[in-house]
Amino acid sequence: MRIRVLGAVALAPLVLAACGTPPRKPDLTLPTAYQAPGAAAPADAIALDQWWTAFNDPELTALIQTALERSPDARSAAARLDEARATRRGTIWDIYLPDGELQGNARRTDSKVLDGTQLDIPGFANSGIQKNYGLNFDVSWELDFFGARRAARQVADADYAAVRFNYEATRASLAANVAQSYFEARGLAIQLEDARQTARLQNDLYQVASKRAAAGLAASSEADQSAASLAQSNAQAANLEAELQAAKRTLLILAGRGIDPVESLPAPAAVPTAPAVPASIPGELLARRPEVREAEMRVRSAAGTLRGAEVALFPRFTLTPGIGLTRSELPGFESTTRAWYIGGTLMQPILDIPQLLAQEKATRARAEQAVIAYEKAVQDAYGEAENTLVRLAADRRRVDLLTAGEARARKAYDAARKRYDMGFDDLTAAVTAETNWRTARTALTGAQVQSLTRTVQAYKAIGGGWTPLDNKAATAAKTPAKEPQA
């Protein structure tokens, strides 16, 4: 009866482990299309892998390429990838290769009988010098009957893939940050140019007001008012110049060129035309968003870890072969022995079963957390993509409206300036018209820069800025192999 009870206890973990189930399948249900207005370019019209080339800006392309090579963020991500690659390689060696070590020993004994009978028979002397040498190579190899090795390999591969996708996500985010900072710097350059033009116009108005006041054609207060406006314009220009210099320095640091002078970074006072964002469907995010792929790999790693926790309840079979070489040198006698041996062990957890079951339960809970994190990553990616596309469409409509408004405000200012120069209107009317025009132009510039940065966000949101691993494999397969060099 006791033997039966012990056998049932020993078999209980096997039954529980055999009934173990993998983590639940994530719910990745997504809409078939985005609820975002606006016409998009065909999916193959613009390469998402290097979307920044669609802006046709050599300076932007050079900045991003430099950042991907020299930026601290990019180099740190590459170092983490190297670490993960080495860790995976070491884990695989540990999984598939047997454990073994070579041991050697040597001993010299000098014996002398002080009291008693001294034996001097060859091979049985109890005095004199004895030398013993030994060399053994012992190997331990665990047989994988229940999939522990496969589970460990799954964890190693998934962890490495997760780090690889994190590396790609870091580089994609870095490219987007460089582009946004670059366009923001160009927006500041436009504002600085506008401020300088405003100061020039205010100076012209001041000169006209001063001449009219000296000729008695206008009150001297007009000249004072114009001088005050001129001082404000100069102060605004000085502030924008400092902001532009700071933005350039920040961009240089982001691109890994922190020691370069700010003059080495051109920022033309013009807003380029934003390219159309390629058409995309929500389901493509599962393959194109690197952080989504990373979350997927975390689920695979958690599933492998869970399987390993279940297999820990099974018996473990280990083979222990080995070889040995022994040499003894005694007074009048020498011998060398060579031997090989093989053994095995069987281990079945008994007293550790409660602890192993608790660990398996905790591992299953962590696997569920990984599944939930994967679902959240998918939902976040979809929400970010749709929201960005919706806002981008609104930004472009706003740019169109402000462009028309800025043109009408400029036309009104030109007419008011001519009437003031001819003496038909006072200075207040001219300054009001100019203020309205400058306000409209500032709003237009801000909307154009925001539309550019939103375009960058849209490229990143739909998974641009990197080449998926399956695409890389397909490209490598299509590329003819180079002849080996001698």
Foldseek 3Di string as FASTA:
>chain_A
DVVVVVVCLLCVLVVVLVPDDFFDDFDLDDDFAFPADDDFAAQPPAAQQCNVVVLVDVLLVVLLVLLCPFAPLNVVLVVVLVVLVVVLVVLLCVLPPWDKDKDKDKDKDAADDDDDDFDDDAPDTRGGIKIKIKIKMKTKDWDPPQCLSVLSNLLSVLVSLLSVLVSLLSSLVLSLVLQLLLLVLLLLVLVLVLLVVQLVVLVVQLVLLVVCCVVVNDPCVSNVVSVVSNVVSVVVNVVSVVVSLVSLLVSCNSSNNNVDHSVVRDRHNDFGDAHGHHGDTLVLCCQQQSNLSSLVSVLSSLSSVLSNLSCVQPKIKMKMKMKMWMWMDDNNDIDIDIDIDMDMDIDHDRVCVVVSVVVSVVSNVVSNVSSVVSNVVSVVLSVQLSVLSNVLVVLVVVLVVLVVVLVVLVVLLVVQVVCVSVPNDDPVSNVVSVVSNSVSVSVNSVSSSVSNSSSSSNSVSSRGNRDGPVNVVVVVVPDDDDDDDD
